[in-house]
Amino acid sequence: MNRLVMIGGLVVVAGLAVAVYRAKLGAEETQGRIDGLKAEAVKVEKDIAVMRAEEAYLTRPERIGPIARDRLGLEPASPDQYTASEALKQRLGEERLTLPAPDAEVPAETPATPAGPAHQ
């Protein structure tokens, strides 16, 4: 009986040793993935910073102004094109959308003919 308990104990200890070893390998693998993701996050943050700097450079008014004039024919807005927000609200309230009268004749659409051989 003593021998059987000893063998059972050794099997349990061996099983626990294997489980601890596998857990250690899994933890190392997980830590490696975490380190890789952290490095990737740092790279992405650097890429975002570069892109923000490029956006700031490309959207400068002194760069866009000549492009808008030369390629699109746009000019800076004149003072009479600006409207105060109160006046804009009044102006928008005065403009009404005119719809055709309900009894107006609407042209009928021609019915669609089926494509392919005619049905008999």
N, C-alpha and C. Protein backbone atom coordinates (compact mmCIF):
# COMPACT_ATOMS: atom_id res chain seq x y z
N MET A 1 0.82 -1.19 0.00
CA MET A 1 0.00 0.00 0.00
C MET A 1 0.87 1.26 0.00
N ASN A 2 1.94 1.22 0.78
CA ASN A 2 2.85 2.34 0.86
C ASN A 2 3.49 2.64 -0.49
N ARG A 3 3.80 1.55 -1.20
CA ARG A 3 4.41 1.69 -2.51
C ARG A 3 3.41 2.31 -3.50
N LEU A 4 2.17 1.94 -3.43
CA LEU A 4 1.12 2.46 -4.31
C LEU A 4 0.90 3.95 -4.08
N VAL A 5 0.94 4.39 -2.84
CA VAL A 5 0.79 5.80 -2.50
C VAL A 5 2.00 6.57 -3.02
N MET A 6 3.19 5.95 -2.89
CA MET A 6 4.40 6.60 -3.37
C MET A 6 4.35 6.78 -4.89
N ILE A 7 3.91 5.78 -5.63
CA ILE A 7 3.81 5.86 -7.10
C ILE A 7 2.74 6.90 -7.48
N GLY A 8 1.64 6.88 -6.78
CA GLY A 8 0.58 7.87 -7.05
C GLY A 8 1.07 9.29 -6.79
N GLY A 9 1.81 9.47 -5.74
CA GLY A 9 2.37 10.78 -5.42
C GLY A 9 3.34 11.25 -6.49
N LEU A 10 4.19 10.33 -6.96
CA LEU A 10 5.13 10.67 -8.03
C LEU A 10 4.40 11.06 -9.32
N VAL A 11 3.33 10.35 -9.63
CA VAL A 11 2.54 10.68 -10.84
C VAL A 11 1.92 12.07 -10.69
N VAL A 12 1.40 12.36 -9.51
CA VAL A 12 0.80 13.67 -9.28
C VAL A 12 1.86 14.77 -9.37
N VAL A 13 3.02 14.55 -8.78
CA VAL A 13 4.11 15.53 -8.82
C VAL A 13 4.57 15.72 -10.26
N ALA A 14 4.71 14.62 -11.01
CA ALA A 14 5.13 14.73 -12.42
C ALA A 14 4.08 15.49 -13.22
N GLY A 15 2.83 15.20 -12.98
CA GLY A 15 1.75 15.91 -13.67
C GLY A 15 1.77 17.40 -13.36
N LEU A 16 1.97 17.73 -12.10
CA LEU A 16 2.04 19.15 -11.70
C LEU A 16 3.27 19.82 -12.32
N ALA A 17 4.39 19.09 -12.38
CA ALA A 17 5.60 19.67 -12.98
C ALA A 17 5.36 19.97 -14.47
N VAL A 18 4.71 19.06 -15.17
CA VAL A 18 4.40 19.28 -16.59
C VAL A 18 3.44 20.46 -16.72
N ALA A 19 2.44 20.54 -15.85
CA ALA A 19 1.48 21.64 -15.92
C ALA A 19 2.16 22.97 -15.66
N VAL A 20 3.06 23.04 -14.69
CA VAL A 20 3.78 24.28 -14.37
C VAL A 20 4.67 24.67 -15.55
N TYR A 21 5.36 23.67 -16.16
CA TYR A 21 6.22 23.96 -17.30
C TYR A 21 5.41 24.51 -18.47
N ARG A 22 4.27 23.88 -18.75
CA ARG A 22 3.41 24.37 -19.85
C ARG A 22 2.87 25.76 -19.55
N ALA A 23 2.52 26.02 -18.30
CA ALA A 23 2.02 27.35 -17.93
C ALA A 23 3.12 28.39 -18.10
N LYS A 24 4.35 28.01 -17.75
CA LYS A 24 5.48 28.93 -17.91
C LYS A 24 5.71 29.23 -19.38
N LEU A 25 5.68 28.21 -20.23
CA LEU A 25 5.85 28.43 -21.67
C LEU A 25 4.72 29.31 -22.23
N GLY A 26 3.50 29.05 -21.78
CA GLY A 26 2.37 29.86 -22.23
C GLY A 26 2.51 31.31 -21.80
N ALA A 27 3.00 31.52 -20.58
CA ALA A 27 3.18 32.89 -20.08
C ALA A 27 4.27 33.60 -20.87
N GLU A 28 5.35 32.88 -21.19
CA GLU A 28 6.42 33.49 -22.00
C GLU A 28 5.92 33.84 -23.40
N GLU A 29 5.14 32.96 -23.97
CA GLU A 29 4.58 33.21 -25.31
C GLU A 29 3.64 34.42 -25.28
N THR A 30 2.80 34.48 -24.25
CA THR A 30 1.88 35.60 -24.11
C THR A 30 2.65 36.91 -23.90
N GLN A 31 3.71 36.85 -23.10
CA GLN A 31 4.52 38.05 -22.88
C GLN A 31 5.18 38.49 -24.18
N GLY A 32 5.63 37.54 -24.99
CA GLY A 32 6.20 37.87 -26.30
C GLY A 32 5.19 38.55 -27.20
N ARG A 33 3.95 38.06 -27.19
CA ARG A 33 2.89 38.70 -28.01
C ARG A 33 2.59 40.09 -27.49
N ILE A 34 2.57 40.25 -26.17
CA ILE A 34 2.31 41.57 -25.57
C ILE A 34 3.41 42.55 -25.98
N ASP A 35 4.67 42.10 -25.90
CA ASP A 35 5.78 42.97 -26.28
C ASP A 35 5.69 43.35 -27.76
N GLY A 36 5.32 42.38 -28.60
CA GLY A 36 5.15 42.67 -30.03
C GLY A 36 4.05 43.68 -30.28
N LEU A 37 2.94 43.54 -29.58
CA LEU A 37 1.83 44.48 -29.74
C LEU A 37 2.19 45.87 -29.23
N LYS A 38 2.97 45.92 -28.14
CA LYS A 38 3.41 47.22 -27.63
C LYS A 38 4.32 47.91 -28.64
N ALA A 39 5.23 47.15 -29.25
CA ALA A 39 6.12 47.72 -30.27
C ALA A 39 5.32 48.20 -31.47
N GLU A 40 4.32 47.42 -31.86
CA GLU A 40 3.46 47.82 -32.98
C GLU A 40 2.67 49.08 -32.64
N ALA A 41 2.20 49.19 -31.40
CA ALA A 41 1.45 50.38 -30.98
C ALA A 41 2.34 51.61 -31.02
N VAL A 42 3.60 51.48 -30.60
CA VAL A 42 4.53 52.60 -30.65
C VAL A 42 4.75 53.02 -32.10
N LYS A 43 4.91 52.05 -32.98
CA LYS A 43 5.11 52.35 -34.41
C LYS A 43 3.89 53.07 -34.99
N VAL A 44 2.69 52.59 -34.64
CA VAL A 44 1.47 53.22 -35.15
C VAL A 44 1.34 54.64 -34.62
N GLU A 45 1.69 54.87 -33.35
CA GLU A 45 1.64 56.22 -32.79
C GLU A 45 2.61 57.15 -33.52
N LYS A 46 3.79 56.64 -33.85
CA LYS A 46 4.75 57.45 -34.62
C LYS A 46 4.20 57.75 -36.01
N ASP A 47 3.58 56.74 -36.65
CA ASP A 47 2.98 56.96 -37.97
C ASP A 47 1.88 58.00 -37.91
N ILE A 48 1.07 57.96 -36.86
CA ILE A 48 -0.01 58.94 -36.69
C ILE A 48 0.57 60.33 -36.51
N ALA A 49 1.64 60.44 -35.73
CA ALA A 49 2.27 61.75 -35.53
C ALA A 49 2.82 62.29 -36.85
N VAL A 50 3.42 61.42 -37.65
CA VAL A 50 3.94 61.85 -38.96
C VAL A 50 2.79 62.30 -39.86
N MET A 51 1.71 61.54 -39.87
CA MET A 51 0.57 61.90 -40.72
C MET A 51 -0.08 63.20 -40.27
N ARG A 52 -0.15 63.43 -38.97
CA ARG A 52 -0.70 64.71 -38.48
C ARG A 52 0.18 65.87 -38.91
N ALA A 53 1.50 65.66 -38.85
CA ALA A 53 2.42 66.72 -39.29
C ALA A 53 2.26 66.96 -40.79
N GLU A 54 2.11 65.89 -41.57
CA GLU A 54 1.90 66.05 -43.01
C GLU A 54 0.59 66.77 -43.30
N GLU A 55 -0.46 66.41 -42.55
CA GLU A 55 -1.75 67.09 -42.74
C GLU A 55 -1.63 68.57 -42.43
N ALA A 56 -0.94 68.89 -41.34
CA ALA A 56 -0.77 70.30 -40.98
C ALA A 56 0.01 71.04 -42.06
N TYR A 57 1.00 70.38 -42.63
CA TYR A 57 1.79 71.01 -43.68
C TYR A 57 0.96 71.21 -44.95
N LEU A 58 0.20 70.18 -45.31
CA LEU A 58 -0.56 70.25 -46.56
C LEU A 58 -1.78 71.16 -46.49
N THR A 59 -2.30 71.42 -45.30
CA THR A 59 -3.51 72.24 -45.18
C THR A 59 -3.22 73.68 -44.81
N ARG A 60 -1.98 74.10 -44.93
CA ARG A 60 -1.64 75.50 -44.64
C ARG A 60 -2.34 76.42 -45.64
N PRO A 61 -2.94 77.52 -45.17
CA PRO A 61 -3.64 78.43 -46.07
C PRO A 61 -2.73 79.00 -47.17
N GLU A 62 -1.45 79.27 -46.84
CA GLU A 62 -0.56 79.83 -47.86
C GLU A 62 -0.24 78.81 -48.95
N ARG A 63 -0.47 77.53 -48.69
CA ARG A 63 -0.28 76.51 -49.72
C ARG A 63 -1.58 76.29 -50.49
N ILE A 64 -2.71 76.28 -49.80
CA ILE A 64 -3.99 75.99 -50.45
C ILE A 64 -4.47 77.17 -51.28
N GLY A 65 -4.19 78.40 -50.82
CA GLY A 65 -4.65 79.59 -51.55
C GLY A 65 -4.23 79.60 -53.01
N PRO A 66 -2.94 79.48 -53.32
CA PRO A 66 -2.53 79.47 -54.73
C PRO A 66 -3.11 78.30 -55.53
N ILE A 67 -3.25 77.16 -54.91
CA ILE A 67 -3.84 76.02 -55.61
C ILE A 67 -5.29 76.31 -55.95
N ALA A 68 -6.03 76.88 -55.01
CA ALA A 68 -7.44 77.20 -55.24
C ALA A 68 -7.58 78.24 -56.35
N ARG A 69 -6.70 79.22 -56.39
CA ARG A 69 -6.77 80.25 -57.44
C ARG A 69 -6.36 79.68 -58.80
N ASP A 70 -5.22 78.98 -58.85
CA ASP A 70 -4.66 78.54 -60.13
C ASP A 70 -5.44 77.39 -60.74
N ARG A 71 -5.78 76.41 -59.96
CA ARG A 71 -6.41 75.20 -60.51
C ARG A 71 -7.93 75.27 -60.51
N LEU A 72 -8.52 75.93 -59.52
CA LEU A 72 -9.98 75.95 -59.40
C LEU A 72 -10.60 77.29 -59.75
N GLY A 73 -9.79 78.32 -59.92
CA GLY A 73 -10.32 79.64 -60.25
C GLY A 73 -11.05 80.31 -59.10
N LEU A 74 -10.75 79.92 -57.88
CA LEU A 74 -11.44 80.51 -56.72
C LEU A 74 -10.70 81.77 -56.27
N GLU A 75 -11.43 82.67 -55.68
CA GLU A 75 -10.88 83.91 -55.14
C GLU A 75 -11.30 84.03 -53.69
N PRO A 76 -10.58 84.82 -52.90
CA PRO A 76 -11.00 85.01 -51.50
C PRO A 76 -12.39 85.64 -51.45
N ALA A 77 -13.13 85.35 -50.42
CA ALA A 77 -14.48 85.89 -50.27
C ALA A 77 -14.42 87.40 -50.05
N SER A 78 -15.36 88.09 -50.67
CA SER A 78 -15.43 89.54 -50.48
C SER A 78 -16.30 89.83 -49.25
N PRO A 79 -16.14 91.00 -48.65
CA PRO A 79 -16.90 91.30 -47.43
C PRO A 79 -18.41 91.22 -47.62
N ASP A 80 -18.92 91.50 -48.80
CA ASP A 80 -20.38 91.46 -48.99
C ASP A 80 -20.90 90.02 -49.04
N GLN A 81 -20.02 89.02 -49.09
CA GLN A 81 -20.47 87.63 -49.08
C GLN A 81 -20.69 87.11 -47.67
N TYR A 82 -20.24 87.84 -46.67
CA TYR A 82 -20.42 87.42 -45.28
C TYR A 82 -21.75 87.94 -44.77
N THR A 83 -22.42 87.15 -43.95
CA THR A 83 -23.71 87.53 -43.38
C THR A 83 -23.70 87.18 -41.90
N ALA A 84 -24.25 88.07 -41.09
CA ALA A 84 -24.37 87.79 -39.66
C ALA A 84 -25.36 86.64 -39.47
N SER A 85 -25.16 85.87 -38.41
CA SER A 85 -26.02 84.70 -38.21
C SER A 85 -27.48 85.08 -38.03
N GLU A 86 -27.77 86.23 -37.41
CA GLU A 86 -29.17 86.66 -37.23
C GLU A 86 -29.79 86.97 -38.59
N ALA A 87 -29.05 87.67 -39.44
CA ALA A 87 -29.57 88.00 -40.77
C ALA A 87 -29.73 86.74 -41.60
N LEU A 88 -28.86 85.78 -41.42
CA LEU A 88 -28.95 84.53 -42.17
C LEU A 88 -30.22 83.78 -41.79
N LYS A 89 -30.55 83.76 -40.49
CA LYS A 89 -31.77 83.09 -40.05
C LYS A 89 -32.99 83.76 -40.67
N GLN A 90 -33.00 85.08 -40.71
CA GLN A 90 -34.13 85.79 -41.31
C GLN A 90 -34.20 85.50 -42.80
N ARG A 91 -33.07 85.53 -43.46
CA ARG A 91 -33.04 85.32 -44.90
C ARG A 91 -33.51 83.91 -45.25
N LEU A 92 -33.08 82.92 -44.47
CA LEU A 92 -33.50 81.55 -44.73
C LEU A 92 -34.98 81.38 -44.43
N GLY A 93 -35.49 82.11 -43.44
CA GLY A 93 -36.90 82.00 -43.11
C GLY A 93 -37.78 82.61 -44.19
N GLU A 94 -37.28 83.62 -44.92
CA GLU A 94 -38.08 84.26 -45.96
C GLU A 94 -38.16 83.42 -47.22
N GLU A 95 -37.12 82.67 -47.51
CA GLU A 95 -37.12 81.88 -48.72
C GLU A 95 -38.01 80.66 -48.52
N ARG A 96 -38.93 80.49 -49.41
CA ARG A 96 -39.85 79.36 -49.32
C ARG A 96 -39.66 78.49 -50.54
N LEU A 97 -39.80 77.21 -50.34
CA LEU A 97 -39.70 76.26 -51.42
C LEU A 97 -41.05 76.20 -52.11
N THR A 98 -41.08 76.39 -53.41
CA THR A 98 -42.35 76.34 -54.14
C THR A 98 -42.47 74.98 -54.81
N LEU A 99 -43.57 74.31 -54.49
CA LEU A 99 -43.85 73.00 -55.06
C LEU A 99 -44.96 73.16 -56.09
N PRO A 100 -45.03 72.28 -57.08
CA PRO A 100 -46.12 72.36 -58.05
C PRO A 100 -47.46 72.11 -57.36
N ALA A 101 -48.50 72.71 -57.91
CA ALA A 101 -49.84 72.54 -57.35
C ALA A 101 -50.24 71.07 -57.44
N PRO A 102 -51.07 70.59 -56.47
CA PRO A 102 -51.44 69.18 -56.47
C PRO A 102 -52.24 68.76 -57.71
N ASP A 103 -52.97 69.72 -58.33
CA ASP A 103 -53.77 69.35 -59.49
C ASP A 103 -53.00 69.52 -60.80
N ALA A 104 -51.72 69.82 -60.71
CA ALA A 104 -50.91 70.00 -61.92
C ALA A 104 -50.74 68.66 -62.61
N GLU A 105 -50.72 68.72 -63.94
CA GLU A 105 -50.58 67.52 -64.76
C GLU A 105 -49.14 67.01 -64.66
N VAL A 106 -49.02 65.76 -64.25
CA VAL A 106 -47.71 65.14 -64.16
C VAL A 106 -47.58 64.21 -65.35
N PRO A 107 -46.52 64.32 -66.15
CA PRO A 107 -46.39 63.44 -67.32
C PRO A 107 -46.32 61.98 -66.89
N ALA A 108 -47.08 61.15 -67.57
CA ALA A 108 -47.11 59.73 -67.25
C ALA A 108 -45.87 59.06 -67.82
N GLU A 109 -45.36 58.12 -67.07
CA GLU A 109 -44.20 57.38 -67.54
C GLU A 109 -44.65 56.27 -68.45
N THR A 110 -43.84 55.94 -69.43
CA THR A 110 -44.19 54.84 -70.33
C THR A 110 -43.91 53.53 -69.61
N PRO A 111 -44.80 52.56 -69.73
CA PRO A 111 -44.58 51.29 -69.03
C PRO A 111 -43.37 50.58 -69.61
N ALA A 112 -42.66 49.91 -68.75
CA ALA A 112 -41.47 49.18 -69.18
C ALA A 112 -41.88 47.92 -69.90
N THR A 113 -41.22 47.64 -71.02
CA THR A 113 -41.52 46.41 -71.77
C THR A 113 -40.52 45.36 -71.34
N PRO A 114 -40.97 44.13 -71.15
CA PRO A 114 -40.05 43.09 -70.70
C PRO A 114 -39.04 42.77 -71.79
N ALA A 115 -37.82 42.53 -71.37
CA ALA A 115 -36.79 42.17 -72.31
C ALA A 115 -36.88 40.67 -72.57
N GLY A 116 -36.60 40.30 -73.78
CA GLY A 116 -36.62 38.87 -74.10
C GLY A 116 -37.83 38.53 -74.97
N PRO A 117 -38.11 37.25 -75.18
CA PRO A 117 -39.21 36.85 -76.07
C PRO A 117 -40.56 37.24 -75.51
N ALA A 118 -41.47 37.60 -76.40
CA ALA A 118 -42.82 38.00 -75.98
C ALA A 118 -43.61 36.79 -75.52
N HIS A 119 -44.45 37.01 -74.51
CA HIS A 119 -45.29 35.93 -73.97
C HIS A 119 -46.53 35.80 -74.82
N GLN A 120 -46.96 34.57 -75.12
CA GLN A 120 -48.15 34.36 -75.96
C GLN A 120 -49.27 33.78 -75.19
